[in-house]
Amino acid sequence: MVLFCVAKALAEAPALNAEFIDGRIVRHAEVNLGFACDTDRGLFVPVVKQCQKLTLAELSAKVRQLAEQAVKGTVATDDLRGATFTVSNLGNLGIECFTPILNPPQVAILGVDAIQLKPVRKDGGMAIIDSIGLSLTCDHQVIDGAPGARFLQILTRKIEQVESLFAMRT
């Protein structure tokens, strides 16, 4: 679900779907989303090409397929190239906060932290909600803090309204 929301958010914040090559910013119309995959042979980053065109079911199936191939060691070299943005998830390991390391020439990478219970003010009282932490690392030659923060705002809104995104295109 997070990858699906990231693809949608990058459509609204295209400056982060870019690379910095030989001193030049190269923005991409296609979202080629890399996702970090832990294997016995180390970290692999399979890439879902043109994921902005995929439904949630299609994206999920492709991620599952590429992850299985990476773990088995059968992932094609072409499926490890061409990411325009990467997502790294350490939340599944219980990590509450981390700084993902940028993979040049990409200009940004998103870290997904563990889901935690968080107290919030609601309707004049307090409520406990599930909260997911997000960390964004940007190449400051290309992306300053404010555009990065706006991307996180867009992404947060998409995650909070994920049911309506799925209804639009599942």
N, C-alpha and C. Protein backbone atom coordinates (compact mmCIF):
# COMPACT_ATOMS: atom_id res chain seq x y z
N MET A 1 0.82 -1.20 0.00
CA MET A 1 0.00 0.00 0.00
C MET A 1 0.86 1.26 0.00
N VAL A 2 1.95 1.22 0.75
CA VAL A 2 2.82 2.40 0.80
C VAL A 2 3.42 2.67 -0.58
N LEU A 3 3.87 1.64 -1.26
CA LEU A 3 4.44 1.83 -2.60
C LEU A 3 3.41 2.42 -3.56
N PHE A 4 2.19 1.97 -3.46
CA PHE A 4 1.11 2.49 -4.30
C PHE A 4 0.91 3.99 -4.02
N CYS A 5 0.90 4.35 -2.74
CA CYS A 5 0.74 5.76 -2.36
C CYS A 5 1.94 6.60 -2.79
N VAL A 6 3.14 6.03 -2.71
CA VAL A 6 4.35 6.73 -3.15
C VAL A 6 4.25 7.06 -4.64
N ALA A 7 3.83 6.08 -5.43
CA ALA A 7 3.71 6.32 -6.89
C ALA A 7 2.72 7.45 -7.15
N LYS A 8 1.62 7.47 -6.43
CA LYS A 8 0.62 8.53 -6.60
C LYS A 8 1.17 9.88 -6.13
N ALA A 9 1.90 9.88 -5.03
CA ALA A 9 2.46 11.13 -4.50
C ALA A 9 3.53 11.71 -5.44
N LEU A 10 4.32 10.84 -6.06
CA LEU A 10 5.35 11.32 -6.99
C LEU A 10 4.73 11.99 -8.20
N ALA A 11 3.53 11.60 -8.57
CA ALA A 11 2.85 12.26 -9.68
C ALA A 11 2.55 13.73 -9.33
N GLU A 12 2.33 13.99 -8.04
CA GLU A 12 2.05 15.36 -7.58
C GLU A 12 3.31 16.12 -7.18
N ALA A 13 4.38 15.42 -6.98
CA ALA A 13 5.66 16.04 -6.59
C ALA A 13 6.76 15.48 -7.49
N PRO A 14 6.69 15.79 -8.79
CA PRO A 14 7.60 15.17 -9.75
C PRO A 14 9.07 15.54 -9.57
N ALA A 15 9.36 16.57 -8.82
CA ALA A 15 10.76 16.96 -8.61
C ALA A 15 11.55 15.85 -7.91
N LEU A 16 10.86 15.01 -7.15
CA LEU A 16 11.55 13.93 -6.44
C LEU A 16 11.72 12.67 -7.29
N ASN A 17 11.02 12.63 -8.42
CA ASN A 17 11.15 11.50 -9.34
C ASN A 17 12.18 11.89 -10.40
N ALA A 18 13.42 11.99 -9.95
CA ALA A 18 14.46 12.56 -10.80
C ALA A 18 15.81 11.96 -10.47
N GLU A 19 16.77 12.29 -11.33
CA GLU A 19 18.15 11.90 -11.11
C GLU A 19 19.04 13.13 -11.34
N PHE A 20 20.20 13.12 -10.72
CA PHE A 20 21.18 14.18 -10.88
C PHE A 20 22.40 13.56 -11.55
N ILE A 21 22.52 13.79 -12.86
CA ILE A 21 23.55 13.13 -13.68
C ILE A 21 24.45 14.18 -14.31
N ASP A 22 25.75 14.09 -14.05
CA ASP A 22 26.73 15.01 -14.62
C ASP A 22 26.34 16.47 -14.42
N GLY A 23 25.88 16.79 -13.20
CA GLY A 23 25.53 18.17 -12.89
C GLY A 23 24.21 18.63 -13.47
N ARG A 24 23.44 17.71 -14.04
CA ARG A 24 22.16 18.05 -14.67
C ARG A 24 21.02 17.31 -13.98
N ILE A 25 19.91 17.99 -13.77
CA ILE A 25 18.71 17.36 -13.20
C ILE A 25 17.92 16.75 -14.33
N VAL A 26 17.64 15.45 -14.21
CA VAL A 26 16.85 14.74 -15.21
C VAL A 26 15.56 14.27 -14.54
N ARG A 27 14.46 14.93 -14.87
CA ARG A 27 13.16 14.54 -14.31
C ARG A 27 12.53 13.47 -15.20
N HIS A 28 11.82 12.56 -14.56
CA HIS A 28 11.22 11.44 -15.29
C HIS A 28 9.70 11.48 -15.21
N ALA A 29 9.05 11.22 -16.33
CA ALA A 29 7.59 11.12 -16.35
C ALA A 29 7.14 9.76 -15.80
N GLU A 30 7.93 8.73 -16.09
CA GLU A 30 7.61 7.39 -15.62
C GLU A 30 8.16 7.21 -14.20
N VAL A 31 7.37 6.59 -13.34
CA VAL A 31 7.83 6.29 -11.98
C VAL A 31 8.34 4.85 -11.98
N ASN A 32 9.66 4.72 -11.89
CA ASN A 32 10.30 3.41 -11.79
C ASN A 32 10.75 3.25 -10.35
N LEU A 33 9.93 2.55 -9.59
CA LEU A 33 10.07 2.51 -8.15
C LEU A 33 10.93 1.34 -7.70
N GLY A 34 12.07 1.67 -7.09
CA GLY A 34 12.92 0.64 -6.50
C GLY A 34 12.47 0.38 -5.07
N PHE A 35 12.61 -0.87 -4.62
CA PHE A 35 12.30 -1.18 -3.22
C PHE A 35 13.40 -2.08 -2.68
N ALA A 36 13.89 -1.72 -1.50
CA ALA A 36 14.97 -2.47 -0.88
C ALA A 36 14.47 -3.85 -0.47
N CYS A 37 15.29 -4.86 -0.76
CA CYS A 37 14.92 -6.26 -0.50
C CYS A 37 16.11 -6.95 0.15
N ASP A 38 15.95 -7.36 1.39
CA ASP A 38 17.00 -8.04 2.14
C ASP A 38 17.07 -9.51 1.70
N THR A 39 18.26 -9.96 1.34
CA THR A 39 18.44 -11.35 0.93
C THR A 39 19.67 -11.92 1.65
N ASP A 40 19.85 -13.23 1.55
CA ASP A 40 21.04 -13.86 2.13
C ASP A 40 22.32 -13.38 1.47
N ARG A 41 22.21 -12.84 0.25
CA ARG A 41 23.37 -12.34 -0.49
C ARG A 41 23.54 -10.83 -0.35
N GLY A 42 22.78 -10.23 0.54
CA GLY A 42 22.88 -8.79 0.73
C GLY A 42 21.65 -8.07 0.20
N LEU A 43 21.76 -6.77 0.14
CA LEU A 43 20.64 -5.92 -0.28
C LEU A 43 20.52 -5.89 -1.80
N PHE A 44 19.32 -6.13 -2.28
CA PHE A 44 18.99 -5.97 -3.69
C PHE A 44 17.87 -4.93 -3.77
N VAL A 45 17.83 -4.19 -4.86
CA VAL A 45 16.78 -3.19 -5.06
C VAL A 45 16.10 -3.46 -6.40
N PRO A 46 15.12 -4.36 -6.40
CA PRO A 46 14.34 -4.57 -7.62
C PRO A 46 13.56 -3.31 -7.97
N VAL A 47 13.24 -3.18 -9.26
CA VAL A 47 12.57 -1.97 -9.75
C VAL A 47 11.27 -2.34 -10.45
N VAL A 48 10.18 -1.72 -10.01
CA VAL A 48 8.89 -1.87 -10.69
C VAL A 48 8.81 -0.71 -11.68
N LYS A 49 8.91 -1.05 -12.94
CA LYS A 49 8.92 -0.02 -13.98
C LYS A 49 7.50 0.47 -14.27
N GLN A 50 7.39 1.76 -14.53
CA GLN A 50 6.13 2.42 -14.88
C GLN A 50 5.01 2.07 -13.90
N CYS A 51 5.34 2.10 -12.61
CA CYS A 51 4.36 1.66 -11.62
C CYS A 51 3.20 2.64 -11.47
N GLN A 52 3.33 3.86 -11.97
CA GLN A 52 2.21 4.80 -11.89
C GLN A 52 1.03 4.33 -12.73
N LYS A 53 1.25 3.40 -13.65
CA LYS A 53 0.19 2.88 -14.51
C LYS A 53 -0.48 1.64 -13.93
N LEU A 54 0.07 1.11 -12.83
CA LEU A 54 -0.42 -0.16 -12.29
C LEU A 54 -1.52 0.04 -11.26
N THR A 55 -2.42 -0.92 -11.22
CA THR A 55 -3.41 -0.95 -10.14
C THR A 55 -2.71 -1.46 -8.88
N LEU A 56 -3.38 -1.36 -7.76
CA LEU A 56 -2.81 -1.88 -6.51
C LEU A 56 -2.53 -3.37 -6.65
N ALA A 57 -3.46 -4.12 -7.21
CA ALA A 57 -3.28 -5.56 -7.36
C ALA A 57 -2.09 -5.86 -8.28
N GLU A 58 -1.96 -5.13 -9.37
CA GLU A 58 -0.84 -5.35 -10.29
C GLU A 58 0.50 -5.00 -9.64
N LEU A 59 0.53 -3.88 -8.92
CA LEU A 59 1.76 -3.46 -8.23
C LEU A 59 2.13 -4.49 -7.17
N SER A 60 1.17 -4.92 -6.38
CA SER A 60 1.44 -5.92 -5.33
C SER A 60 1.99 -7.21 -5.92
N ALA A 61 1.39 -7.67 -7.01
CA ALA A 61 1.85 -8.91 -7.64
C ALA A 61 3.27 -8.75 -8.17
N LYS A 62 3.57 -7.62 -8.77
CA LYS A 62 4.91 -7.38 -9.33
C LYS A 62 5.95 -7.28 -8.22
N VAL A 63 5.62 -6.60 -7.14
CA VAL A 63 6.55 -6.48 -6.01
C VAL A 63 6.80 -7.86 -5.41
N ARG A 64 5.75 -8.63 -5.21
CA ARG A 64 5.89 -9.98 -4.66
C ARG A 64 6.79 -10.84 -5.57
N GLN A 65 6.54 -10.78 -6.88
CA GLN A 65 7.31 -11.56 -7.84
C GLN A 65 8.80 -11.16 -7.80
N LEU A 66 9.07 -9.86 -7.86
CA LEU A 66 10.46 -9.39 -7.87
C LEU A 66 11.17 -9.70 -6.55
N ALA A 67 10.46 -9.57 -5.44
CA ALA A 67 11.05 -9.87 -4.13
C ALA A 67 11.41 -11.36 -4.03
N GLU A 68 10.51 -12.22 -4.48
CA GLU A 68 10.79 -13.66 -4.47
C GLU A 68 12.01 -13.98 -5.35
N GLN A 69 12.08 -13.36 -6.51
CA GLN A 69 13.22 -13.59 -7.40
C GLN A 69 14.52 -13.10 -6.77
N ALA A 70 14.46 -11.95 -6.11
CA ALA A 70 15.67 -11.41 -5.45
C ALA A 70 16.13 -12.36 -4.35
N VAL A 71 15.22 -12.85 -3.54
CA VAL A 71 15.57 -13.76 -2.46
C VAL A 71 16.15 -15.07 -3.00
N LYS A 72 15.57 -15.58 -4.08
CA LYS A 72 16.05 -16.83 -4.69
C LYS A 72 17.33 -16.64 -5.50
N GLY A 73 17.66 -15.40 -5.83
CA GLY A 73 18.84 -15.13 -6.65
C GLY A 73 18.59 -15.26 -8.14
N THR A 74 17.32 -15.20 -8.53
CA THR A 74 16.98 -15.36 -9.95
C THR A 74 16.50 -14.07 -10.60
N VAL A 75 16.57 -12.96 -9.88
CA VAL A 75 16.09 -11.69 -10.43
C VAL A 75 16.99 -11.28 -11.61
N ALA A 76 16.36 -10.83 -12.68
CA ALA A 76 17.10 -10.40 -13.87
C ALA A 76 17.84 -9.09 -13.59
N THR A 77 19.01 -8.95 -14.17
CA THR A 77 19.80 -7.73 -14.01
C THR A 77 19.00 -6.50 -14.42
N ASP A 78 18.22 -6.61 -15.49
CA ASP A 78 17.41 -5.49 -15.95
C ASP A 78 16.38 -5.06 -14.91
N ASP A 79 15.94 -5.99 -14.07
CA ASP A 79 14.97 -5.67 -13.02
C ASP A 79 15.62 -5.02 -11.80
N LEU A 80 16.93 -4.83 -11.85
CA LEU A 80 17.66 -4.16 -10.77
C LEU A 80 18.18 -2.80 -11.23
N ARG A 81 17.75 -2.35 -12.39
CA ARG A 81 18.25 -1.08 -12.96
C ARG A 81 17.10 -0.13 -13.23
N GLY A 82 17.43 1.15 -13.24
CA GLY A 82 16.51 2.15 -13.73
C GLY A 82 15.56 2.77 -12.72
N ALA A 83 15.80 2.56 -11.43
CA ALA A 83 14.92 3.18 -10.43
C ALA A 83 15.05 4.70 -10.49
N THR A 84 13.93 5.38 -10.41
CA THR A 84 13.92 6.84 -10.35
C THR A 84 13.66 7.33 -8.93
N PHE A 85 13.23 6.42 -8.06
CA PHE A 85 12.96 6.71 -6.64
C PHE A 85 12.97 5.37 -5.93
N THR A 86 13.46 5.34 -4.68
CA THR A 86 13.54 4.08 -3.94
C THR A 86 12.84 4.21 -2.59
N VAL A 87 12.26 3.08 -2.16
CA VAL A 87 11.64 2.97 -0.84
C VAL A 87 12.37 1.87 -0.07
N SER A 88 12.77 2.19 1.16
CA SER A 88 13.42 1.22 2.04
C SER A 88 12.55 1.06 3.27
N ASN A 89 12.19 -0.17 3.60
CA ASN A 89 11.29 -0.44 4.73
C ASN A 89 12.02 -1.23 5.80
N LEU A 90 12.32 -0.59 6.91
CA LEU A 90 12.87 -1.30 8.06
C LEU A 90 11.82 -1.45 9.16
N GLY A 91 10.64 -0.93 8.90
CA GLY A 91 9.55 -1.05 9.86
C GLY A 91 9.19 -2.49 10.15
N ASN A 92 9.30 -3.35 9.14
CA ASN A 92 8.99 -4.76 9.34
C ASN A 92 9.97 -5.44 10.30
N LEU A 93 11.09 -4.78 10.57
CA LEU A 93 12.06 -5.29 11.54
C LEU A 93 11.91 -4.60 12.89
N GLY A 94 10.87 -3.77 13.03
CA GLY A 94 10.61 -3.08 14.29
C GLY A 94 11.37 -1.78 14.46
N ILE A 95 12.05 -1.33 13.43
CA ILE A 95 12.84 -0.09 13.52
C ILE A 95 11.89 1.10 13.52
N GLU A 96 12.02 1.94 14.52
CA GLU A 96 11.10 3.07 14.70
C GLU A 96 11.55 4.33 13.98
N CYS A 97 12.82 4.42 13.63
CA CYS A 97 13.32 5.61 12.93
C CYS A 97 14.70 5.30 12.36
N PHE A 98 14.92 5.68 11.10
CA PHE A 98 16.24 5.51 10.50
C PHE A 98 16.39 6.51 9.37
N THR A 99 17.61 6.69 8.94
CA THR A 99 17.91 7.58 7.82
C THR A 99 18.34 6.72 6.64
N PRO A 100 17.49 6.62 5.61
CA PRO A 100 17.86 5.83 4.45
C PRO A 100 19.00 6.50 3.69
N ILE A 101 19.85 5.68 3.10
CA ILE A 101 21.02 6.19 2.37
C ILE A 101 20.66 6.33 0.90
N LEU A 102 20.91 7.51 0.39
CA LEU A 102 20.59 7.85 -0.99
C LEU A 102 21.38 7.00 -1.97
N ASN A 103 20.74 6.61 -3.05
CA ASN A 103 21.36 5.81 -4.09
C ASN A 103 21.53 6.67 -5.35
N PRO A 104 22.67 7.39 -5.47
CA PRO A 104 22.87 8.24 -6.64
C PRO A 104 22.79 7.42 -7.93
N PRO A 105 22.28 7.99 -8.98
CA PRO A 105 21.98 9.39 -9.21
C PRO A 105 20.58 9.83 -8.76
N GLN A 106 19.81 8.92 -8.09
CA GLN A 106 18.49 9.32 -7.60
C GLN A 106 18.64 10.51 -6.66
N VAL A 107 17.60 11.34 -6.58
CA VAL A 107 17.69 12.54 -5.75
C VAL A 107 16.95 12.40 -4.43
N ALA A 108 16.23 11.27 -4.23
CA ALA A 108 15.52 11.08 -2.97
C ALA A 108 15.26 9.60 -2.73
N ILE A 109 15.16 9.25 -1.45
CA ILE A 109 14.81 7.90 -1.02
C ILE A 109 13.92 8.02 0.22
N LEU A 110 12.93 7.16 0.29
CA LEU A 110 11.99 7.17 1.42
C LEU A 110 12.27 6.00 2.33
N GLY A 111 12.33 6.27 3.63
CA GLY A 111 12.43 5.22 4.64
C GLY A 111 11.08 5.04 5.32
N VAL A 112 10.66 3.79 5.46
CA VAL A 112 9.38 3.47 6.10
C VAL A 112 9.69 2.79 7.43
N ASP A 113 9.19 3.39 8.51
CA ASP A 113 9.44 2.91 9.86
C ASP A 113 8.30 2.01 10.34
N ALA A 114 8.48 1.45 11.52
CA ALA A 114 7.47 0.59 12.13
C ALA A 114 6.20 1.39 12.44
N ILE A 115 5.08 0.70 12.36
CA ILE A 115 3.81 1.29 12.79
C ILE A 115 3.77 1.23 14.31
N GLN A 116 3.46 2.38 14.92
CA GLN A 116 3.42 2.48 16.37
C GLN A 116 2.10 3.12 16.81
N LEU A 117 1.72 2.84 18.04
CA LEU A 117 0.57 3.52 18.62
C LEU A 117 1.00 4.91 19.05
N LYS A 118 0.12 5.89 18.78
CA LYS A 118 0.47 7.28 19.06
C LYS A 118 -0.75 8.00 19.64
N PRO A 119 -0.57 8.71 20.74
CA PRO A 119 -1.70 9.49 21.27
C PRO A 119 -1.88 10.77 20.46
N VAL A 120 -3.12 11.11 20.16
CA VAL A 120 -3.44 12.34 19.43
C VAL A 120 -4.65 12.99 20.06
N ARG A 121 -4.77 14.30 19.84
CA ARG A 121 -5.97 15.02 20.28
C ARG A 121 -7.06 14.80 19.24
N LYS A 122 -8.26 14.49 19.74
CA LYS A 122 -9.36 14.25 18.81
C LYS A 122 -10.67 14.59 19.51
N ASP A 123 -11.46 15.44 18.85
CA ASP A 123 -12.78 15.82 19.36
C ASP A 123 -12.74 16.26 20.82
N GLY A 124 -11.74 17.07 21.15
CA GLY A 124 -11.63 17.60 22.50
C GLY A 124 -11.06 16.63 23.51
N GLY A 125 -10.69 15.45 23.08
CA GLY A 125 -10.12 14.44 23.97
C GLY A 125 -8.86 13.85 23.38
N MET A 126 -8.55 12.68 23.84
CA MET A 126 -7.36 11.97 23.35
C MET A 126 -7.80 10.66 22.71
N ALA A 127 -7.06 10.26 21.71
CA ALA A 127 -7.29 8.97 21.06
C ALA A 127 -5.93 8.34 20.78
N ILE A 128 -5.93 7.04 20.66
CA ILE A 128 -4.72 6.31 20.30
C ILE A 128 -4.90 5.81 18.87
N ILE A 129 -3.95 6.18 18.01
CA ILE A 129 -4.04 5.78 16.60
C ILE A 129 -2.79 5.02 16.18
N ASP A 130 -2.90 4.27 15.10
CA ASP A 130 -1.72 3.69 14.47
C ASP A 130 -1.02 4.79 13.69
N SER A 131 0.29 4.86 13.82
CA SER A 131 1.07 5.89 13.13
C SER A 131 2.30 5.24 12.51
N ILE A 132 2.56 5.60 11.25
CA ILE A 132 3.74 5.07 10.56
C ILE A 132 4.73 6.21 10.37
N GLY A 133 5.98 5.95 10.71
CA GLY A 133 7.01 6.96 10.53
C GLY A 133 7.58 6.90 9.13
N LEU A 134 7.88 8.06 8.59
CA LEU A 134 8.47 8.17 7.25
C LEU A 134 9.70 9.06 7.34
N SER A 135 10.78 8.64 6.70
CA SER A 135 12.02 9.41 6.66
C SER A 135 12.39 9.64 5.21
N LEU A 136 12.74 10.85 4.87
CA LEU A 136 13.10 11.18 3.49
C LEU A 136 14.51 11.73 3.46
N THR A 137 15.35 11.12 2.64
CA THR A 137 16.70 11.63 2.40
C THR A 137 16.71 12.22 1.00
N CYS A 138 17.20 13.45 0.89
CA CYS A 138 17.24 14.15 -0.41
C CYS A 138 18.66 14.61 -0.72
N ASP A 139 18.97 14.66 -2.00
CA ASP A 139 20.21 15.25 -2.47
C ASP A 139 19.96 16.76 -2.51
N HIS A 140 20.58 17.50 -1.61
CA HIS A 140 20.31 18.93 -1.50
C HIS A 140 20.90 19.75 -2.64
N GLN A 141 21.59 19.12 -3.55
CA GLN A 141 21.96 19.82 -4.78
C GLN A 141 20.73 20.02 -5.66
N VAL A 142 19.70 19.20 -5.41
CA VAL A 142 18.51 19.20 -6.27
C VAL A 142 17.24 19.50 -5.49
N ILE A 143 17.08 18.87 -4.32
CA ILE A 143 15.84 18.98 -3.53
C ILE A 143 16.15 19.61 -2.18
N ASP A 144 15.56 20.75 -1.91
CA ASP A 144 15.69 21.39 -0.61
C ASP A 144 14.68 20.79 0.36
N GLY A 145 14.78 21.20 1.61
CA GLY A 145 13.92 20.66 2.65
C GLY A 145 12.44 20.90 2.42
N ALA A 146 12.07 22.10 1.98
CA ALA A 146 10.64 22.42 1.82
C ALA A 146 9.97 21.56 0.75
N PRO A 147 10.55 21.40 -0.45
CA PRO A 147 9.92 20.50 -1.43
C PRO A 147 9.86 19.05 -0.93
N GLY A 148 10.87 18.64 -0.19
CA GLY A 148 10.85 17.30 0.40
C GLY A 148 9.72 17.17 1.41
N ALA A 149 9.55 18.20 2.23
CA ALA A 149 8.47 18.19 3.22
C ALA A 149 7.10 18.20 2.55
N ARG A 150 6.97 18.93 1.46
CA ARG A 150 5.69 18.93 0.73
C ARG A 150 5.37 17.55 0.17
N PHE A 151 6.40 16.85 -0.33
CA PHE A 151 6.20 15.48 -0.80
C PHE A 151 5.69 14.61 0.36
N LEU A 152 6.32 14.74 1.54
CA LEU A 152 5.87 13.95 2.69
C LEU A 152 4.44 14.30 3.10
N GLN A 153 4.06 15.57 2.98
CA GLN A 153 2.67 15.97 3.26
C GLN A 153 1.71 15.28 2.28
N ILE A 154 2.05 15.30 1.01
CA ILE A 154 1.22 14.66 -0.02
C ILE A 154 1.12 13.16 0.26
N LEU A 155 2.26 12.54 0.53
CA LEU A 155 2.28 11.10 0.80
C LEU A 155 1.46 10.76 2.04
N THR A 156 1.62 11.54 3.08
CA THR A 156 0.85 11.31 4.31
C THR A 156 -0.64 11.39 4.04
N ARG A 157 -1.05 12.38 3.28
CA ARG A 157 -2.48 12.52 2.93
C ARG A 157 -2.96 11.29 2.14
N LYS A 158 -2.15 10.82 1.23
CA LYS A 158 -2.53 9.65 0.43
C LYS A 158 -2.64 8.40 1.30
N ILE A 159 -1.71 8.24 2.24
CA ILE A 159 -1.78 7.08 3.14
C ILE A 159 -3.02 7.18 4.03
N GLU A 160 -3.31 8.38 4.53
CA GLU A 160 -4.48 8.56 5.39
C GLU A 160 -5.78 8.31 4.63
N GLN A 161 -5.77 8.56 3.33
CA GLN A 161 -6.98 8.39 2.51
C GLN A 161 -6.84 7.20 1.56
N VAL A 162 -6.10 6.21 1.99
CA VAL A 162 -5.75 5.10 1.11
C VAL A 162 -6.98 4.35 0.58
N GLU A 163 -8.02 4.26 1.38
CA GLU A 163 -9.22 3.55 0.91
C GLU A 163 -9.80 4.22 -0.33
N SER A 164 -9.80 5.55 -0.36
CA SER A 164 -10.35 6.24 -1.53
C SER A 164 -9.45 6.07 -2.75
N LEU A 165 -8.14 5.96 -2.54
CA LEU A 165 -7.22 5.69 -3.66
C LEU A 165 -7.50 4.32 -4.25
N PHE A 166 -7.74 3.34 -3.38
CA PHE A 166 -8.01 2.00 -3.88
C PHE A 166 -9.32 1.94 -4.62
N ALA A 167 -10.30 2.69 -4.15
CA ALA A 167 -11.60 2.70 -4.81
C ALA A 167 -11.49 3.28 -6.21
N MET A 168 -10.59 4.27 -6.38
CA MET A 168 -10.41 4.88 -7.68
C MET A 168 -9.77 3.92 -8.67
N ARG A 169 -8.80 3.13 -8.18
CA ARG A 169 -8.08 2.28 -9.11
C ARG A 169 -7.47 1.10 -8.37
N THR A 170 -8.22 0.07 -8.19
CA THR A 170 -7.68 -1.11 -7.50
C THR A 170 -7.44 -2.17 -8.52
